[in-house]
């Protein structure tokens, strides 16, 4: 069990934050502009900003998570998983000091999970993926037979960059997949952990388009 945690935690760690600097700059600019603009204009801007944040965070409806920015919808029940509540998700964000994790579903009995979060790309996506592969290999060094590689898969009809990793230790194999999605300048990642390669495929197939 301890061997599996390393890959699972790697999945959580890759959900690094969006550029906080950009958010701060926008807030500073809004404050400066509010001194000269009408209250109505300021209200419209704050409402638009709030709506944008809600779109990036996604929405929950029971076991279904929807993110319109990246045009995805995931129903945890279709793969016999339990969707973590928004309250528990908030606790996870606090414990990891990372608020970019937006969705987490899991099947405790089978040690499988699906995560979705936002990614901060400080370089190009390929370099980011290469860095994640190096991190996965390093973090799991000595834990067993580890293999991580980058590839491209068809996801909802589009080519998507992907990391596939496999860790075998004490006769048990843990599969770890990361699928990267782009929407304009924003990047997100779907992370799947499972002991069965078929479960990974089933989880990917459980995603549909939001619109």
N, C-alpha and C. Protein backbone atom coordinates (compact mmCIF):
# COMPACT_ATOMS: atom_id res chain seq x y z
N UNK A 1 0.84 -1.21 0.00
CA UNK A 1 0.00 0.00 0.00
C UNK A 1 0.87 1.25 0.00
N UNK A 2 1.95 1.19 0.75
CA UNK A 2 2.83 2.35 0.84
C UNK A 2 3.46 2.68 -0.50
N UNK A 3 3.73 1.63 -1.32
CA UNK A 3 4.33 1.84 -2.63
C UNK A 3 3.38 2.63 -3.53
N UNK A 4 2.07 2.33 -3.42
CA UNK A 4 1.08 2.99 -4.27
C UNK A 4 0.94 4.46 -3.95
N UNK A 5 1.12 4.82 -2.70
CA UNK A 5 0.90 6.20 -2.26
C UNK A 5 1.83 7.17 -2.98
N UNK A 6 3.04 6.73 -3.29
CA UNK A 6 4.00 7.63 -3.94
C UNK A 6 3.47 8.12 -5.27
N UNK A 7 2.88 7.21 -6.06
CA UNK A 7 2.33 7.62 -7.35
C UNK A 7 1.09 8.47 -7.17
N UNK A 8 0.26 8.12 -6.20
CA UNK A 8 -0.94 8.89 -5.94
C UNK A 8 -0.59 10.31 -5.53
N UNK A 9 0.38 10.45 -4.63
CA UNK A 9 0.79 11.77 -4.18
C UNK A 9 1.43 12.55 -5.31
N UNK A 10 2.14 11.84 -6.21
CA UNK A 10 2.71 12.52 -7.37
C UNK A 10 1.60 13.14 -8.19
N UNK A 11 0.46 12.44 -8.27
CA UNK A 11 -0.68 12.96 -9.00
C UNK A 11 -1.22 14.23 -8.39
N UNK A 12 -1.21 14.30 -7.07
CA UNK A 12 -1.68 15.50 -6.39
C UNK A 12 -0.69 16.64 -6.55
N UNK A 13 0.60 16.31 -6.44
CA UNK A 13 1.63 17.34 -6.51
C UNK A 13 1.66 18.04 -7.86
N UNK A 14 1.35 17.30 -8.95
CA UNK A 14 1.44 17.92 -10.28
C UNK A 14 0.39 19.01 -10.47
N UNK A 15 -0.59 19.07 -9.59
CA UNK A 15 -1.62 20.10 -9.72
C UNK A 15 -1.13 21.40 -9.13
N UNK A 16 -0.07 21.95 -9.72
CA UNK A 16 0.51 23.18 -9.20
C UNK A 16 -0.35 24.38 -9.55
N UNK A 17 -0.13 25.49 -8.84
CA UNK A 17 -1.04 26.63 -8.89
C UNK A 17 -0.96 27.41 -10.19
N UNK A 18 -2.09 28.03 -10.54
CA UNK A 18 -2.09 29.01 -11.62
C UNK A 18 -1.32 30.24 -11.16
N UNK A 19 -0.95 31.08 -12.10
CA UNK A 19 -0.15 32.25 -11.74
C UNK A 19 -0.90 33.18 -10.79
N UNK A 20 -0.48 33.20 -9.54
CA UNK A 20 -1.10 34.07 -8.53
C UNK A 20 -0.77 35.53 -8.84
N UNK A 21 0.41 35.73 -9.40
CA UNK A 21 0.83 37.10 -9.73
C UNK A 21 -0.16 37.76 -10.66
N UNK A 22 -0.62 37.01 -11.65
CA UNK A 22 -1.58 37.57 -12.61
C UNK A 22 -2.87 37.95 -11.92
N UNK A 23 -3.32 37.11 -10.99
CA UNK A 23 -4.55 37.42 -10.26
C UNK A 23 -4.38 38.67 -9.42
N UNK A 24 -3.25 38.79 -8.76
CA UNK A 24 -2.99 39.95 -7.92
C UNK A 24 -2.93 41.22 -8.76
N UNK A 25 -2.31 41.13 -9.93
CA UNK A 25 -2.21 42.29 -10.80
C UNK A 25 -3.59 42.76 -11.23
N UNK A 26 -4.46 41.79 -11.54
CA UNK A 26 -5.81 42.15 -11.96
C UNK A 26 -6.58 42.83 -10.85
N UNK A 27 -6.42 42.32 -9.62
CA UNK A 27 -7.13 42.91 -8.48
C UNK A 27 -6.63 44.32 -8.20
N UNK A 28 -5.31 44.51 -8.32
CA UNK A 28 -4.72 45.82 -8.09
C UNK A 28 -5.23 46.82 -9.11
N UNK A 29 -5.30 46.34 -10.36
CA UNK A 29 -5.76 47.22 -11.44
C UNK A 29 -7.22 47.59 -11.23
N UNK A 30 -8.03 46.63 -10.77
CA UNK A 30 -9.45 46.90 -10.54
C UNK A 30 -9.64 47.95 -9.47
N UNK A 31 -8.81 47.85 -8.39
CA UNK A 31 -8.91 48.82 -7.31
C UNK A 31 -8.56 50.22 -7.80
N UNK A 32 -7.53 50.31 -8.62
CA UNK A 32 -7.10 51.62 -9.13
C UNK A 32 -8.16 52.21 -10.03
N UNK A 33 -8.77 51.35 -10.86
CA UNK A 33 -9.77 51.84 -11.79
C UNK A 33 -11.07 52.23 -11.08
N UNK A 34 -11.36 51.57 -9.97
CA UNK A 34 -12.62 51.84 -9.28
C UNK A 34 -12.69 53.27 -8.74
N UNK A 35 -11.55 53.94 -8.62
CA UNK A 35 -11.54 55.31 -8.13
C UNK A 35 -12.11 56.28 -9.15
N UNK A 36 -12.01 55.92 -10.43
CA UNK A 36 -12.44 56.83 -11.48
C UNK A 36 -13.69 56.35 -12.19
N UNK A 37 -13.96 55.02 -12.12
CA UNK A 37 -15.10 54.50 -12.84
C UNK A 37 -16.34 54.50 -11.95
N UNK A 38 -17.49 54.40 -12.58
CA UNK A 38 -18.76 54.41 -11.85
C UNK A 38 -18.93 53.12 -11.06
N UNK A 39 -19.74 53.15 -9.99
CA UNK A 39 -20.00 51.95 -9.20
C UNK A 39 -20.60 50.83 -10.04
N UNK A 40 -21.39 51.19 -11.05
CA UNK A 40 -22.01 50.18 -11.91
C UNK A 40 -20.94 49.41 -12.67
N UNK A 41 -19.97 50.14 -13.23
CA UNK A 41 -18.89 49.50 -13.99
C UNK A 41 -18.09 48.57 -13.09
N UNK A 42 -17.80 49.02 -11.87
CA UNK A 42 -17.03 48.21 -10.93
C UNK A 42 -17.78 46.94 -10.58
N UNK A 43 -19.11 47.06 -10.41
CA UNK A 43 -19.92 45.90 -10.08
C UNK A 43 -19.91 44.89 -11.21
N UNK A 44 -19.98 45.38 -12.45
CA UNK A 44 -19.95 44.50 -13.61
C UNK A 44 -18.63 43.76 -13.67
N UNK A 45 -17.53 44.45 -13.42
CA UNK A 45 -16.21 43.82 -13.47
C UNK A 45 -16.07 42.75 -12.40
N UNK A 46 -16.51 43.04 -11.19
CA UNK A 46 -16.37 42.07 -10.11
C UNK A 46 -17.25 40.86 -10.36
N UNK A 47 -18.44 41.08 -10.93
CA UNK A 47 -19.33 39.98 -11.26
C UNK A 47 -18.72 39.10 -12.34
N UNK A 48 -18.12 39.73 -13.35
CA UNK A 48 -17.48 38.98 -14.43
C UNK A 48 -16.30 38.18 -13.90
N UNK A 49 -15.52 38.80 -13.00
CA UNK A 49 -14.37 38.10 -12.42
C UNK A 49 -14.82 36.91 -11.60
N UNK A 50 -15.91 37.10 -10.84
CA UNK A 50 -16.43 36.02 -10.01
C UNK A 50 -16.95 34.89 -10.88
N UNK A 51 -17.62 35.22 -11.98
CA UNK A 51 -18.15 34.21 -12.89
C UNK A 51 -17.02 33.43 -13.53
N UNK A 52 -15.93 34.12 -13.87
CA UNK A 52 -14.78 33.46 -14.47
C UNK A 52 -14.15 32.47 -13.50
N UNK A 53 -14.04 32.88 -12.22
CA UNK A 53 -13.48 32.00 -11.20
C UNK A 53 -14.35 30.76 -11.02
N UNK A 54 -15.67 30.96 -11.04
CA UNK A 54 -16.59 29.84 -10.90
C UNK A 54 -16.45 28.87 -12.07
N UNK A 55 -16.28 29.41 -13.28
CA UNK A 55 -16.10 28.57 -14.46
C UNK A 55 -14.82 27.76 -14.35
N UNK A 56 -13.75 28.37 -13.86
CA UNK A 56 -12.47 27.68 -13.70
C UNK A 56 -12.56 26.60 -12.63
N UNK A 57 -13.30 26.88 -11.57
CA UNK A 57 -13.44 25.91 -10.48
C UNK A 57 -14.31 24.73 -10.88
N UNK A 58 -15.26 24.97 -11.77
CA UNK A 58 -16.20 23.92 -12.14
C UNK A 58 -17.36 23.86 -11.16
N UNK A 59 -18.33 23.01 -11.47
CA UNK A 59 -19.52 22.88 -10.62
C UNK A 59 -19.82 21.41 -10.33
N UNK A 60 -20.51 21.19 -9.21
CA UNK A 60 -20.90 19.85 -8.80
C UNK A 60 -22.41 19.70 -8.83
N UNK A 61 -22.86 18.52 -9.25
CA UNK A 61 -24.27 18.16 -9.18
C UNK A 61 -24.32 16.69 -8.77
N UNK A 62 -24.32 16.45 -7.47
CA UNK A 62 -24.25 15.08 -6.97
C UNK A 62 -22.91 14.45 -7.30
N UNK A 63 -22.93 13.37 -8.06
CA UNK A 63 -21.70 12.66 -8.43
C UNK A 63 -21.07 13.21 -9.71
N UNK A 64 -21.67 14.26 -10.27
CA UNK A 64 -21.20 14.79 -11.56
C UNK A 64 -20.44 16.10 -11.37
N UNK A 65 -19.25 16.15 -11.95
CA UNK A 65 -18.44 17.38 -11.95
C UNK A 65 -18.39 17.91 -13.37
N UNK A 66 -18.61 19.22 -13.53
CA UNK A 66 -18.58 19.85 -14.85
C UNK A 66 -17.65 21.05 -14.85
N UNK A 67 -16.81 21.13 -15.86
CA UNK A 67 -15.95 22.30 -16.03
C UNK A 67 -16.13 22.80 -17.46
N UNK A 68 -16.80 23.94 -17.59
CA UNK A 68 -17.12 24.48 -18.92
C UNK A 68 -15.90 25.07 -19.62
N UNK A 69 -14.94 25.57 -18.85
CA UNK A 69 -13.74 26.16 -19.46
C UNK A 69 -13.00 25.12 -20.28
N UNK A 70 -12.88 23.89 -19.73
CA UNK A 70 -12.17 22.83 -20.43
C UNK A 70 -13.12 21.84 -21.09
N UNK A 71 -14.42 22.17 -21.06
CA UNK A 71 -15.45 21.40 -21.75
C UNK A 71 -15.43 19.92 -21.38
N UNK A 72 -15.45 19.65 -20.07
CA UNK A 72 -15.47 18.26 -19.61
C UNK A 72 -16.57 18.06 -18.57
N UNK A 73 -17.06 16.83 -18.53
CA UNK A 73 -18.02 16.42 -17.50
C UNK A 73 -17.64 15.01 -17.07
N UNK A 74 -17.66 14.76 -15.75
CA UNK A 74 -17.28 13.45 -15.23
C UNK A 74 -18.30 13.00 -14.20
N UNK A 75 -18.84 11.80 -14.41
CA UNK A 75 -19.80 11.22 -13.47
C UNK A 75 -19.11 10.07 -12.73
N UNK A 76 -18.82 10.28 -11.46
CA UNK A 76 -18.08 9.29 -10.67
C UNK A 76 -18.82 7.96 -10.56
N UNK A 77 -20.15 8.00 -10.56
CA UNK A 77 -20.93 6.77 -10.39
C UNK A 77 -20.76 5.80 -11.54
N UNK A 78 -20.46 6.31 -12.73
CA UNK A 78 -20.32 5.43 -13.90
C UNK A 78 -19.13 4.50 -13.78
N UNK A 79 -18.18 4.84 -12.91
CA UNK A 79 -17.02 3.98 -12.67
C UNK A 79 -16.97 3.53 -11.20
N UNK A 80 -18.14 3.53 -10.58
CA UNK A 80 -18.28 3.06 -9.19
C UNK A 80 -17.36 3.78 -8.21
N UNK A 81 -17.23 5.08 -8.41
CA UNK A 81 -16.41 5.89 -7.51
C UNK A 81 -17.29 6.84 -6.70
N UNK A 82 -16.72 7.30 -5.60
CA UNK A 82 -17.39 8.28 -4.76
C UNK A 82 -16.76 9.65 -4.97
N UNK A 83 -17.60 10.64 -5.24
CA UNK A 83 -17.10 12.00 -5.43
C UNK A 83 -16.87 12.65 -4.07
N UNK A 84 -15.68 13.18 -3.88
CA UNK A 84 -15.37 13.87 -2.62
C UNK A 84 -16.18 15.15 -2.54
N UNK A 85 -16.76 15.43 -1.40
CA UNK A 85 -17.59 16.62 -1.23
C UNK A 85 -16.75 17.89 -1.33
N UNK A 86 -17.39 19.00 -1.58
CA UNK A 86 -16.67 20.27 -1.67
C UNK A 86 -16.01 20.62 -0.35
N UNK A 87 -16.64 20.21 0.76
CA UNK A 87 -16.05 20.47 2.08
C UNK A 87 -14.76 19.68 2.27
N UNK A 88 -14.80 18.38 1.92
CA UNK A 88 -13.60 17.55 2.04
C UNK A 88 -12.52 17.99 1.06
N UNK A 89 -12.95 18.43 -0.13
CA UNK A 89 -11.99 18.93 -1.11
C UNK A 89 -11.28 20.16 -0.58
N UNK A 90 -12.03 21.03 0.08
CA UNK A 90 -11.45 22.23 0.68
C UNK A 90 -10.42 21.85 1.74
N UNK A 91 -10.71 20.82 2.53
CA UNK A 91 -9.77 20.35 3.55
C UNK A 91 -8.49 19.82 2.90
N UNK A 92 -8.64 19.10 1.78
CA UNK A 92 -7.47 18.59 1.05
C UNK A 92 -6.62 19.73 0.53
N UNK A 93 -7.28 20.77 0.02
CA UNK A 93 -6.55 21.93 -0.49
C UNK A 93 -5.73 22.60 0.61
N UNK A 94 -6.32 22.67 1.81
CA UNK A 94 -5.63 23.29 2.93
C UNK A 94 -4.43 22.45 3.37
N UNK A 95 -4.61 21.12 3.39
CA UNK A 95 -3.53 20.23 3.84
C UNK A 95 -2.36 20.23 2.87
N UNK A 96 -2.66 20.36 1.57
CA UNK A 96 -1.60 20.36 0.56
C UNK A 96 -1.13 21.77 0.22
N UNK A 97 -1.78 22.78 0.85
CA UNK A 97 -1.46 24.19 0.57
C UNK A 97 -1.56 24.47 -0.92
N UNK A 98 -2.57 23.90 -1.56
CA UNK A 98 -2.72 24.01 -3.01
C UNK A 98 -4.21 24.02 -3.35
N UNK A 99 -4.70 25.15 -3.86
CA UNK A 99 -6.13 25.25 -4.18
C UNK A 99 -6.44 24.95 -5.64
N UNK A 100 -5.48 24.35 -6.35
CA UNK A 100 -5.70 24.07 -7.77
C UNK A 100 -6.36 22.72 -8.00
N UNK A 101 -6.47 21.90 -6.97
CA UNK A 101 -7.20 20.64 -7.08
C UNK A 101 -8.70 20.95 -7.07
N UNK A 102 -9.39 20.65 -8.17
CA UNK A 102 -10.79 21.05 -8.31
C UNK A 102 -11.77 19.88 -8.21
N UNK A 103 -11.29 18.66 -8.41
CA UNK A 103 -12.17 17.50 -8.31
C UNK A 103 -11.37 16.28 -7.86
N UNK A 104 -12.00 15.47 -7.00
CA UNK A 104 -11.34 14.24 -6.56
C UNK A 104 -12.41 13.18 -6.32
N UNK A 105 -12.30 12.08 -7.05
CA UNK A 105 -13.20 10.95 -6.88
C UNK A 105 -12.34 9.71 -6.61
N UNK A 106 -12.89 8.77 -5.83
CA UNK A 106 -12.06 7.61 -5.49
C UNK A 106 -12.90 6.37 -5.23
N UNK A 107 -12.24 5.23 -5.36
CA UNK A 107 -12.79 3.93 -5.00
C UNK A 107 -11.79 3.32 -4.03
N UNK A 108 -12.04 3.49 -2.75
CA UNK A 108 -11.08 3.07 -1.72
C UNK A 108 -10.82 1.57 -1.77
N UNK A 109 -11.84 0.78 -2.02
CA UNK A 109 -11.71 -0.67 -2.02
C UNK A 109 -10.72 -1.15 -3.08
N UNK A 110 -10.67 -0.45 -4.21
CA UNK A 110 -9.80 -0.87 -5.31
C UNK A 110 -8.60 0.05 -5.50
N UNK A 111 -8.37 0.95 -4.55
CA UNK A 111 -7.22 1.86 -4.59
C UNK A 111 -7.13 2.63 -5.91
N UNK A 112 -8.26 3.12 -6.39
CA UNK A 112 -8.26 3.90 -7.63
C UNK A 112 -8.82 5.29 -7.37
N UNK A 113 -8.40 6.25 -8.18
CA UNK A 113 -8.85 7.62 -7.99
C UNK A 113 -8.76 8.40 -9.29
N UNK A 114 -9.57 9.46 -9.37
CA UNK A 114 -9.54 10.39 -10.50
C UNK A 114 -9.48 11.80 -9.93
N UNK A 115 -8.49 12.57 -10.38
CA UNK A 115 -8.34 13.95 -9.93
C UNK A 115 -8.37 14.88 -11.14
N UNK A 116 -8.83 16.09 -10.91
CA UNK A 116 -8.78 17.12 -11.94
C UNK A 116 -8.32 18.42 -11.29
N UNK A 117 -7.36 19.09 -11.93
CA UNK A 117 -6.88 20.34 -11.37
C UNK A 117 -6.25 21.24 -12.40
N UNK A 118 -5.93 22.43 -11.97
CA UNK A 118 -5.31 23.43 -12.84
C UNK A 118 -3.80 23.35 -12.72
N UNK A 119 -3.12 23.76 -13.78
CA UNK A 119 -1.66 23.65 -13.84
C UNK A 119 -1.04 24.99 -14.18
N UNK A 120 0.04 25.32 -13.51
CA UNK A 120 0.80 26.53 -13.82
C UNK A 120 1.97 26.16 -14.73
N UNK A 121 1.92 26.60 -15.96
CA UNK A 121 2.98 26.31 -16.92
C UNK A 121 3.91 27.51 -17.01
N UNK A 122 5.12 27.37 -16.47
CA UNK A 122 6.10 28.46 -16.52
C UNK A 122 6.98 28.34 -17.76
N UNK A 123 6.92 27.18 -18.43
CA UNK A 123 7.65 26.98 -19.68
C UNK A 123 6.66 26.38 -20.67
N UNK A 124 7.14 25.75 -21.72
CA UNK A 124 6.20 25.10 -22.64
C UNK A 124 5.72 23.78 -22.02
N UNK A 125 4.59 23.29 -22.51
CA UNK A 125 3.96 22.11 -21.93
C UNK A 125 4.85 20.88 -22.02
N UNK A 126 5.57 20.73 -23.11
CA UNK A 126 6.45 19.56 -23.26
C UNK A 126 7.51 19.54 -22.17
N UNK A 127 8.10 20.70 -21.89
CA UNK A 127 9.12 20.78 -20.84
C UNK A 127 8.51 20.46 -19.48
N UNK A 128 7.27 20.91 -19.28
CA UNK A 128 6.57 20.63 -18.02
C UNK A 128 6.34 19.13 -17.86
N UNK A 129 5.90 18.49 -18.93
CA UNK A 129 5.66 17.04 -18.91
C UNK A 129 6.95 16.28 -18.67
N UNK A 130 8.02 16.69 -19.35
CA UNK A 130 9.32 16.04 -19.15
C UNK A 130 9.77 16.16 -17.69
N UNK A 131 9.50 17.31 -17.09
CA UNK A 131 9.85 17.52 -15.69
C UNK A 131 9.04 16.61 -14.77
N UNK A 132 7.76 16.42 -15.08
CA UNK A 132 6.92 15.54 -14.28
C UNK A 132 7.38 14.09 -14.37
N UNK A 133 7.77 13.67 -15.57
CA UNK A 133 8.27 12.31 -15.76
C UNK A 133 9.52 12.09 -14.93
N UNK A 134 10.42 13.05 -14.96
CA UNK A 134 11.65 12.95 -14.17
C UNK A 134 11.33 12.88 -12.68
N UNK A 135 10.33 13.66 -12.25
CA UNK A 135 9.95 13.68 -10.83
C UNK A 135 9.34 12.34 -10.41
N UNK A 136 8.48 11.78 -11.26
CA UNK A 136 7.85 10.49 -10.95
C UNK A 136 8.91 9.41 -10.82
N UNK A 137 9.86 9.39 -11.77
CA UNK A 137 10.93 8.38 -11.72
C UNK A 137 11.78 8.54 -10.46
N UNK A 138 12.09 9.78 -10.12
CA UNK A 138 12.93 10.04 -8.95
C UNK A 138 12.20 9.70 -7.65
N UNK A 139 10.93 10.12 -7.54
CA UNK A 139 10.17 9.90 -6.31
C UNK A 139 9.92 8.42 -6.03
N UNK A 140 9.88 7.62 -7.10
CA UNK A 140 9.61 6.19 -6.93
C UNK A 140 10.85 5.32 -7.09
N UNK A 141 12.02 5.96 -7.13
CA UNK A 141 13.28 5.22 -7.24
C UNK A 141 13.46 4.32 -6.02
N UNK A 142 13.71 3.05 -6.28
CA UNK A 142 13.91 2.10 -5.19
C UNK A 142 12.62 1.48 -4.68
N UNK A 143 11.48 1.98 -5.15
CA UNK A 143 10.20 1.45 -4.69
C UNK A 143 9.80 0.19 -5.45
N UNK A 144 10.40 0.00 -6.63
CA UNK A 144 10.07 -1.14 -7.47
C UNK A 144 10.45 -0.85 -8.91
N UNK A 145 9.83 -1.55 -9.83
CA UNK A 145 10.09 -1.34 -11.25
C UNK A 145 9.20 -0.20 -11.74
N UNK A 146 9.79 0.95 -12.01
CA UNK A 146 9.02 2.13 -12.41
C UNK A 146 9.31 2.50 -13.87
N UNK A 147 8.26 2.79 -14.62
CA UNK A 147 8.41 3.23 -16.00
C UNK A 147 7.43 4.35 -16.26
N UNK A 148 7.92 5.50 -16.67
CA UNK A 148 7.06 6.64 -16.99
C UNK A 148 7.45 7.19 -18.35
N UNK A 149 6.47 7.48 -19.19
CA UNK A 149 6.75 7.98 -20.53
C UNK A 149 5.65 8.92 -20.98
N UNK A 150 5.99 9.79 -21.93
CA UNK A 150 5.01 10.71 -22.49
C UNK A 150 4.46 10.15 -23.80
N UNK A 151 3.22 10.47 -24.07
CA UNK A 151 2.58 10.02 -25.29
C UNK A 151 1.45 10.98 -25.64
N UNK A 152 0.74 10.70 -26.71
CA UNK A 152 -0.43 11.49 -27.10
C UNK A 152 -1.61 10.55 -27.27
N UNK A 153 -2.75 10.91 -26.68
CA UNK A 153 -3.93 10.07 -26.80
C UNK A 153 -5.09 10.87 -27.39
N UNK A 154 -6.09 10.17 -27.87
CA UNK A 154 -7.33 10.81 -28.31
C UNK A 154 -8.24 10.93 -27.09
N UNK A 155 -8.59 12.16 -26.76
CA UNK A 155 -9.46 12.40 -25.61
C UNK A 155 -10.60 13.30 -26.05
N UNK A 156 -11.81 12.78 -26.01
CA UNK A 156 -13.00 13.51 -26.46
C UNK A 156 -12.81 14.06 -27.88
N UNK A 157 -12.19 13.23 -28.72
CA UNK A 157 -12.03 13.57 -30.12
C UNK A 157 -10.84 14.44 -30.46
N UNK A 158 -10.06 14.84 -29.44
CA UNK A 158 -8.91 15.72 -29.66
C UNK A 158 -7.62 15.04 -29.20
N UNK A 159 -6.51 15.39 -29.85
CA UNK A 159 -5.20 14.90 -29.39
C UNK A 159 -4.85 15.59 -28.08
N UNK A 160 -4.43 14.81 -27.10
CA UNK A 160 -4.08 15.37 -25.79
C UNK A 160 -2.76 14.79 -25.31
N UNK A 161 -1.82 15.65 -24.87
CA UNK A 161 -0.56 15.16 -24.31
C UNK A 161 -0.85 14.33 -23.06
N UNK A 162 -0.06 13.31 -22.84
CA UNK A 162 -0.36 12.38 -21.75
C UNK A 162 0.93 11.80 -21.16
N UNK A 163 0.88 11.51 -19.87
CA UNK A 163 1.95 10.77 -19.19
C UNK A 163 1.36 9.45 -18.73
N UNK A 164 2.02 8.36 -19.07
CA UNK A 164 1.64 7.04 -18.57
C UNK A 164 2.78 6.50 -17.72
N UNK A 165 2.47 6.11 -16.49
CA UNK A 165 3.49 5.56 -15.60
C UNK A 165 2.98 4.24 -15.02
N UNK A 166 3.92 3.34 -14.78
CA UNK A 166 3.57 2.04 -14.22
C UNK A 166 4.61 1.65 -13.18
N UNK A 167 4.14 1.36 -11.97
CA UNK A 167 5.03 0.96 -10.88
C UNK A 167 4.65 -0.45 -10.43
N UNK A 168 5.62 -1.36 -10.49
CA UNK A 168 5.39 -2.73 -10.04
C UNK A 168 6.28 -3.01 -8.84
N UNK A 169 5.66 -3.42 -7.74
CA UNK A 169 6.40 -3.72 -6.51
C UNK A 169 5.68 -4.83 -5.76
N UNK A 170 6.44 -5.83 -5.33
CA UNK A 170 5.88 -6.96 -4.57
C UNK A 170 4.72 -7.63 -5.29
N UNK A 171 4.85 -7.72 -6.62
CA UNK A 171 3.84 -8.40 -7.41
C UNK A 171 2.60 -7.58 -7.69
N UNK A 172 2.58 -6.33 -7.25
CA UNK A 172 1.42 -5.46 -7.46
C UNK A 172 1.80 -4.32 -8.40
N UNK A 173 0.96 -4.06 -9.40
CA UNK A 173 1.23 -2.98 -10.36
C UNK A 173 0.24 -1.84 -10.15
N UNK A 174 0.78 -0.64 -10.10
CA UNK A 174 -0.04 0.57 -9.97
C UNK A 174 0.12 1.39 -11.25
N UNK A 175 -1.01 1.75 -11.89
CA UNK A 175 -0.99 2.55 -13.11
C UNK A 175 -1.32 4.00 -12.78
N UNK A 176 -0.62 4.90 -13.43
CA UNK A 176 -0.77 6.33 -13.18
C UNK A 176 -0.79 7.06 -14.52
N UNK A 177 -1.87 7.78 -14.79
CA UNK A 177 -2.01 8.49 -16.07
C UNK A 177 -2.36 9.95 -15.84
N UNK A 178 -1.71 10.83 -16.59
CA UNK A 178 -2.01 12.26 -16.55
C UNK A 178 -2.35 12.71 -17.97
N UNK A 179 -3.51 13.33 -18.13
CA UNK A 179 -3.94 13.85 -19.43
C UNK A 179 -4.07 15.36 -19.33
N UNK A 180 -3.37 16.07 -20.20
CA UNK A 180 -3.33 17.54 -20.14
C UNK A 180 -4.29 18.15 -21.15
N UNK A 181 -5.07 19.12 -20.68
CA UNK A 181 -6.04 19.81 -21.52
C UNK A 181 -5.70 21.29 -21.58
N UNK A 182 -5.93 21.90 -22.74
CA UNK A 182 -5.64 23.33 -22.91
C UNK A 182 -6.90 24.08 -23.34
N UNK A 183 -7.06 25.27 -22.76
CA UNK A 183 -8.16 26.16 -23.15
C UNK A 183 -7.59 27.57 -23.18
N UNK A 184 -7.25 28.03 -24.39
CA UNK A 184 -6.55 29.30 -24.50
C UNK A 184 -5.19 29.18 -23.84
N UNK A 185 -4.90 30.06 -22.89
CA UNK A 185 -3.63 30.02 -22.17
C UNK A 185 -3.70 29.16 -20.91
N UNK A 186 -4.89 28.69 -20.58
CA UNK A 186 -5.07 27.89 -19.36
C UNK A 186 -4.82 26.41 -19.63
N UNK A 187 -4.23 25.74 -18.65
CA UNK A 187 -3.92 24.31 -18.77
C UNK A 187 -4.45 23.58 -17.54
N UNK A 188 -5.00 22.41 -17.76
CA UNK A 188 -5.47 21.58 -16.66
C UNK A 188 -4.97 20.15 -16.87
N UNK A 189 -5.14 19.32 -15.84
CA UNK A 189 -4.69 17.94 -15.95
C UNK A 189 -5.69 17.01 -15.26
N UNK A 190 -5.94 15.89 -15.90
CA UNK A 190 -6.71 14.80 -15.31
C UNK A 190 -5.71 13.75 -14.86
N UNK A 191 -5.80 13.33 -13.61
CA UNK A 191 -4.87 12.35 -13.06
C UNK A 191 -5.65 11.12 -12.63
N UNK A 192 -5.24 9.95 -13.12
CA UNK A 192 -5.93 8.70 -12.78
C UNK A 192 -4.93 7.72 -12.18
N UNK A 193 -5.29 7.13 -11.06
CA UNK A 193 -4.49 6.09 -10.41
C UNK A 193 -5.34 4.84 -10.27
N UNK A 194 -4.77 3.68 -10.64
CA UNK A 194 -5.53 2.43 -10.53
C UNK A 194 -4.57 1.24 -10.53
N UNK A 195 -5.08 0.10 -10.07
CA UNK A 195 -4.29 -1.13 -10.08
C UNK A 195 -4.57 -1.96 -11.33
N UNK A 196 -5.47 -1.48 -12.16
CA UNK A 196 -5.86 -2.20 -13.37
C UNK A 196 -5.86 -1.21 -14.53
N UNK A 197 -5.18 -1.57 -15.61
CA UNK A 197 -5.11 -0.68 -16.77
C UNK A 197 -6.49 -0.43 -17.37
N UNK A 198 -7.37 -1.43 -17.27
CA UNK A 198 -8.73 -1.28 -17.80
C UNK A 198 -9.49 -0.20 -17.02
N UNK A 199 -9.25 -0.10 -15.72
CA UNK A 199 -9.90 0.92 -14.91
C UNK A 199 -9.50 2.31 -15.38
N UNK A 200 -8.23 2.47 -15.74
CA UNK A 200 -7.76 3.76 -16.27
C UNK A 200 -8.53 4.12 -17.53
N UNK A 201 -8.66 3.15 -18.44
CA UNK A 201 -9.40 3.40 -19.69
C UNK A 201 -10.87 3.70 -19.42
N UNK A 202 -11.46 2.96 -18.48
CA UNK A 202 -12.87 3.19 -18.14
C UNK A 202 -13.07 4.60 -17.57
N UNK A 203 -12.12 5.04 -16.76
CA UNK A 203 -12.22 6.38 -16.17
C UNK A 203 -12.11 7.46 -17.24
N UNK A 204 -11.21 7.26 -18.19
CA UNK A 204 -11.07 8.21 -19.29
C UNK A 204 -12.36 8.25 -20.12
N UNK A 205 -12.95 7.08 -20.34
CA UNK A 205 -14.18 7.01 -21.12
C UNK A 205 -15.38 7.57 -20.37
N UNK A 206 -15.24 7.73 -19.05
CA UNK A 206 -16.34 8.29 -18.24
C UNK A 206 -16.46 9.80 -18.42
N UNK A 207 -15.43 10.41 -19.02
CA UNK A 207 -15.48 11.85 -19.30
C UNK A 207 -16.27 12.09 -20.59
N UNK A 208 -17.13 13.08 -20.56
CA UNK A 208 -17.87 13.50 -21.74
C UNK A 208 -17.71 15.01 -21.90
N UNK A 209 -18.15 15.53 -23.02
CA UNK A 209 -18.08 16.98 -23.23
C UNK A 209 -19.18 17.68 -22.43
N UNK A 210 -18.83 18.82 -21.88
CA UNK A 210 -19.79 19.58 -21.09
C UNK A 210 -20.85 20.23 -21.97
N UNK A 211 -20.47 20.50 -23.22
CA UNK A 211 -21.42 21.15 -24.14
C UNK A 211 -21.12 20.75 -25.56
